[in-house]
Amino acid sequence: MALAFAREGADVVVGDVREQPREGGRPTADLIADEGGEAVYVEADVSRWDAIDQLVRTAVDRRGRLDVMVNNAVVAGRHSKGLLETQPQDWDAIMDVGLRGVFLCCKRAVQQMLGQEPVGDVRGRIINMSSQHGMVGTPGHVAYCAAKGGVVNLTRQVAVDFGPRGIMVNAIAPGKILTRPADEPDTPEILEYSHARTPFSRLGQPEDVAAAAVFLASDECTYVSGTNLLVDGGWMAY
């Protein structure tokens, strides 16, 4: 998503707890710079208000405003398990990033956007990353599903509360996307099930999610707010 936004001319502020990708490769800001784009990395733990404030202030210092906030940080892995196996520390780890972090990012973004002059009808746009897990119960992932369900309804709530003041808020719910997760690498069984469950002829690529995010952030997206956009090849329709 960061690369896709940069290719559209955005000045990207990348926030994460570490600059080096856990899956390997070069930092995102460096990849953007290699393509002639503009980006900066800011160390940020999304569960902390001061870190989110620094992210937004960095964007405003660079460009005078914040046009788009994309909230896509997540924790799952070893913390995501069934109800009886989930310890309070597992619940807190997932909620601190996956729901509290989205809340803090939405709040700080709205604070900034309310004081900006609108571009057309829009003062700013927020895009939250939800999940299919926020709409169904997935066996063995109680905290993650609860957090993503919270993201879906938080998206609706902020869209309703601040739409009258020119702020558009949407979520993206990806299906099976072929990334390289360090915590839960895909097994042949997972891939076989995902292919069988997805009506479309292939599984998703990161570029599919990025294209949806770019659309929701674009001037062409003029009357879409409060939605949870499925990018899943028809998974939830089946």
Protein backbone atom coordinates (compact mmCIF):
# COMPACT_ATOMS: atom_id res chain seq x y z
CA MET A 1 0.00 0.00 0.00
CA ALA A 2 2.79 2.43 0.85
CA LEU A 3 4.46 1.81 -2.51
CA ALA A 4 1.16 2.21 -4.35
CA PHE A 5 0.41 5.53 -2.65
CA ALA A 6 3.90 6.81 -3.42
CA ARG A 7 3.47 5.90 -7.10
CA GLU A 8 0.36 8.08 -7.10
CA GLY A 9 2.40 11.02 -5.82
CA ALA A 10 1.78 10.77 -2.09
CA ASP A 11 4.39 11.79 0.45
CA VAL A 12 4.31 8.69 2.69
CA VAL A 13 5.02 8.59 6.41
CA VAL A 14 5.74 4.97 7.35
CA GLY A 15 5.12 4.14 11.00
CA ASP A 16 6.15 0.86 12.63
CA VAL A 17 7.95 -0.48 15.69
CA ARG A 18 10.91 -1.44 13.50
CA GLU A 19 12.29 -0.17 10.22
CA GLN A 20 13.65 -3.47 8.90
CA PRO A 21 10.93 -5.81 7.53
CA ARG A 22 10.59 -8.97 9.61
CA GLU A 23 10.14 -11.01 6.43
CA GLY A 24 13.38 -9.64 4.99
CA GLY A 25 14.12 -7.13 2.25
CA ARG A 26 14.76 -3.41 2.35
CA PRO A 27 12.81 -0.85 4.38
CA THR A 28 9.68 0.51 2.74
CA ALA A 29 10.86 4.12 2.75
CA ASP A 30 14.03 3.07 0.91
CA LEU A 31 12.02 1.21 -1.72
CA ILE A 32 9.92 4.31 -2.29
CA ALA A 33 13.03 6.48 -2.58
CA ASP A 34 14.50 4.04 -5.12
CA GLU A 35 11.47 4.71 -7.33
CA GLY A 36 11.85 8.47 -7.00
CA GLY A 37 9.07 8.89 -4.46
CA GLU A 38 9.02 10.68 -1.13
CA ALA A 39 8.80 8.87 2.18
CA VAL A 40 10.11 8.90 5.72
CA TYR A 41 10.14 6.28 8.45
CA VAL A 42 9.00 7.13 11.98
CA GLU A 43 9.37 4.65 14.82
CA ALA A 44 5.88 4.23 16.21
CA ASP A 45 4.04 1.87 18.53
CA VAL A 46 0.38 2.40 17.58
CA SER A 47 -0.81 1.55 21.08
CA ARG A 48 0.80 4.80 22.37
CA TRP A 49 -0.80 8.20 21.88
CA ASP A 50 2.53 10.06 21.80
CA ALA A 51 3.75 7.86 18.93
CA ILE A 52 0.60 8.46 16.88
CA ASP A 53 0.83 12.17 17.58
CA GLN A 54 4.40 12.14 16.26
CA LEU A 55 3.30 10.34 13.07
CA VAL A 56 0.64 12.94 12.34
CA ARG A 57 2.88 15.87 13.23
CA THR A 58 5.53 14.50 10.88
CA ALA A 59 3.06 14.41 7.99
CA VAL A 60 1.82 17.92 8.76
CA ASP A 61 5.35 19.28 9.08
CA ARG A 62 6.21 17.85 5.66
CA ARG A 63 3.08 18.89 3.74
CA GLY A 64 0.99 21.16 5.91
CA ARG A 65 -1.88 18.67 6.21
CA LEU A 66 -2.84 15.01 6.56
CA ASP A 67 -4.94 13.80 3.65
CA VAL A 68 -5.00 10.04 4.29
CA MET A 69 -4.46 7.86 7.34
CA VAL A 70 -4.17 4.10 6.73
CA ASN A 71 -4.41 2.01 9.90
CA ASN A 72 -2.96 -1.42 9.16
CA ALA A 73 -0.86 -2.47 12.16
CA VAL A 74 -1.77 -5.85 13.63
CA VAL A 75 -0.60 -8.42 16.15
CA ALA A 76 -1.75 -12.05 15.97
CA GLY A 77 0.59 -15.04 15.66
CA ARG A 78 1.17 -16.84 18.95
CA HIS A 79 -1.32 -14.59 20.76
CA SER A 80 -4.26 -15.62 18.58
CA LYS A 81 -5.92 -18.80 19.85
CA GLY A 82 -9.13 -20.19 21.27
CA LEU A 83 -11.05 -18.80 24.22
CA LEU A 84 -9.86 -21.28 26.85
CA GLU A 85 -6.24 -21.03 25.70
CA THR A 86 -6.21 -17.22 25.51
CA GLN A 87 -4.53 -15.59 28.48
CA PRO A 88 -5.15 -11.96 29.49
CA GLN A 89 -1.75 -11.01 28.10
CA ASP A 90 -2.68 -12.55 24.73
CA TRP A 91 -5.94 -10.60 24.66
CA ASP A 92 -4.15 -7.37 25.59
CA ALA A 93 -1.40 -7.83 22.99
CA ILE A 94 -3.94 -8.17 20.18
CA MET A 95 -6.31 -5.47 21.40
CA ASP A 96 -3.57 -2.94 22.14
CA VAL A 97 -2.48 -2.91 18.50
CA GLY A 98 -5.46 -4.20 16.56
CA LEU A 99 -8.22 -2.14 18.18
CA ARG A 100 -6.77 0.44 20.59
CA GLY A 101 -4.24 1.40 17.92
CA VAL A 102 -6.96 1.96 15.33
CA PHE A 103 -8.93 4.03 17.83
CA LEU A 104 -5.92 6.23 18.62
CA CYS A 105 -5.05 6.67 14.94
CA CYS A 106 -8.63 7.58 14.04
CA LYS A 107 -8.85 10.06 16.90
CA ARG A 108 -5.57 11.82 16.10
CA ALA A 109 -6.30 11.87 12.36
CA VAL A 110 -9.77 13.37 12.90
CA GLN A 111 -8.32 16.03 15.21
CA GLN A 112 -5.98 17.13 12.43
CA MET A 113 -8.44 16.81 9.57
CA LEU A 114 -11.15 18.89 11.20
CA GLY A 115 -8.88 21.95 11.03
CA GLN A 116 -7.99 21.52 7.36
CA GLU A 117 -9.58 23.16 4.37
CA PRO A 118 -11.52 20.59 2.32
CA VAL A 119 -10.37 19.40 -1.08
CA GLY A 120 -13.68 19.27 -2.90
CA ASP A 121 -16.03 17.99 -0.24
CA VAL A 122 -13.43 16.09 1.76
CA ARG A 123 -11.18 17.29 4.60
CA GLY A 124 -9.48 13.91 4.94
CA ARG A 125 -9.82 10.17 4.54
CA ILE A 126 -9.23 7.30 6.95
CA ILE A 127 -8.79 3.70 5.81
CA ASN A 128 -8.85 0.95 8.43
CA MET A 129 -7.74 -2.61 7.78
CA SER A 130 -10.42 -4.98 8.97
CA SER A 131 -10.78 -8.64 8.02
CA GLN A 132 -13.22 -11.37 7.18
CA HIS A 133 -12.52 -12.43 10.76
CA GLY A 134 -14.40 -9.35 11.89
CA MET A 135 -17.62 -10.64 10.30
CA VAL A 136 -17.54 -14.35 11.10
CA GLY A 137 -16.29 -16.57 13.90
CA THR A 138 -13.04 -18.26 12.91
CA PRO A 139 -12.25 -21.30 15.08
CA GLY A 140 -9.42 -20.71 17.49
CA HIS A 141 -8.97 -16.94 17.05
CA VAL A 142 -11.16 -15.32 19.69
CA ALA A 143 -9.22 -12.11 20.39
CA TYR A 144 -8.31 -11.45 16.76
CA CYS A 145 -11.90 -11.87 15.59
CA ALA A 146 -13.16 -9.65 18.39
CA ALA A 147 -10.62 -6.94 17.54
CA LYS A 148 -11.44 -7.00 13.83
CA GLY A 149 -15.16 -6.89 14.59
CA GLY A 150 -14.45 -3.80 16.63
CA VAL A 151 -12.58 -2.24 13.72
CA VAL A 152 -15.56 -2.80 11.42
CA ASN A 153 -17.98 -1.02 13.73
CA LEU A 154 -15.48 1.67 14.76
CA THR A 155 -15.19 2.47 11.05
CA ARG A 156 -18.96 2.89 10.78
CA GLN A 157 -19.11 4.98 13.95
CA VAL A 158 -16.41 7.45 12.95
CA ALA A 159 -17.89 7.73 9.45
CA VAL A 160 -21.31 8.55 10.93
CA ASP A 161 -19.99 11.03 13.48
CA PHE A 162 -17.66 12.96 11.19
CA GLY A 163 -19.11 12.55 7.72
CA PRO A 164 -21.12 15.75 8.21
CA ARG A 165 -17.81 17.57 8.71
CA GLY A 166 -16.17 16.24 5.56
CA ILE A 167 -14.23 13.21 6.76
CA MET A 168 -14.61 9.91 4.88
CA VAL A 169 -13.90 6.69 6.75
CA ASN A 170 -13.82 3.19 5.26
CA ALA A 171 -12.37 -0.23 5.97
CA ILE A 172 -10.85 -2.93 3.76
CA ALA A 173 -11.44 -6.60 4.57
CA PRO A 174 -8.92 -8.76 2.69
CA GLY A 175 -9.48 -12.41 1.90
CA LYS A 176 -6.61 -14.82 1.45
CA ILE A 177 -3.67 -12.66 0.36
CA LEU A 178 -0.41 -14.36 -0.61
CA THR A 179 2.06 -12.62 1.65
CA ARG A 180 4.94 -14.18 3.57
CA PRO A 181 3.83 -14.15 7.20
CA ALA A 182 6.70 -14.78 9.56
CA ASP A 183 4.43 -15.96 12.37
CA GLU A 184 2.09 -18.26 10.45
CA PRO A 185 3.62 -19.38 7.14
CA ASP A 186 1.15 -20.91 4.72
CA THR A 187 1.03 -24.69 4.61
CA PRO A 188 -0.08 -26.70 1.58
CA GLU A 189 -3.28 -27.51 3.49
CA ILE A 190 -4.04 -23.82 4.10
CA LEU A 191 -3.48 -22.97 0.45
CA GLU A 192 -5.61 -25.89 -0.74
CA TYR A 193 -8.46 -24.82 1.53
CA SER A 194 -8.14 -21.18 0.48
CA HIS A 195 -8.30 -22.08 -3.21
CA ALA A 196 -11.33 -24.30 -2.60
CA ARG A 197 -13.08 -21.56 -0.61
CA THR A 198 -12.39 -18.65 -3.00
CA PRO A 199 -14.76 -18.46 -6.01
CA PHE A 200 -12.37 -16.38 -8.11
CA SER A 201 -9.75 -18.20 -10.18
CA ARG A 202 -6.77 -17.18 -8.04
CA LEU A 203 -5.87 -16.04 -4.53
CA GLY A 204 -5.17 -12.45 -3.66
CA GLN A 205 -1.96 -10.48 -4.04
CA PRO A 206 -0.85 -7.50 -1.93
CA GLU A 207 -1.38 -5.32 -5.00
CA ASP A 208 -5.11 -6.16 -4.89
CA VAL A 209 -5.43 -4.65 -1.43
CA ALA A 210 -3.24 -1.71 -2.39
CA ALA A 211 -5.46 -0.91 -5.37
CA ALA A 212 -8.51 -0.82 -3.11
CA ALA A 213 -6.75 1.51 -0.68
CA VAL A 214 -5.66 3.85 -3.46
CA PHE A 215 -9.23 4.00 -4.77
CA LEU A 216 -10.68 4.81 -1.33
CA ALA A 217 -8.08 7.55 -0.95
CA SER A 218 -8.59 9.03 -4.41
CA ASP A 219 -10.54 12.03 -5.62
CA GLU A 220 -12.59 9.59 -7.72
CA CYS A 221 -14.01 8.09 -4.50
CA THR A 222 -16.52 10.85 -3.81
CA TYR A 223 -19.47 9.21 -2.06
CA VAL A 224 -18.24 6.06 -0.32
CA SER A 225 -18.03 6.19 3.46
CA GLY A 226 -18.72 3.83 6.34
CA THR A 227 -18.21 0.76 4.18
CA ASN A 228 -16.23 -2.41 4.83
CA LEU A 229 -14.86 -3.20 1.37
CA LEU A 230 -14.29 -6.90 0.76
CA VAL A 231 -11.18 -7.69 -1.28
CA ASP A 232 -11.57 -11.44 -1.15
CA GLY A 233 -12.27 -12.88 -4.59
CA GLY A 234 -15.83 -13.64 -3.52
CA TRP A 235 -14.98 -15.62 -0.36
CA MET A 236 -17.70 -14.02 1.76
CA ALA A 237 -20.26 -14.37 -1.04
CA TYR A 238 -19.86 -18.17 -1.01
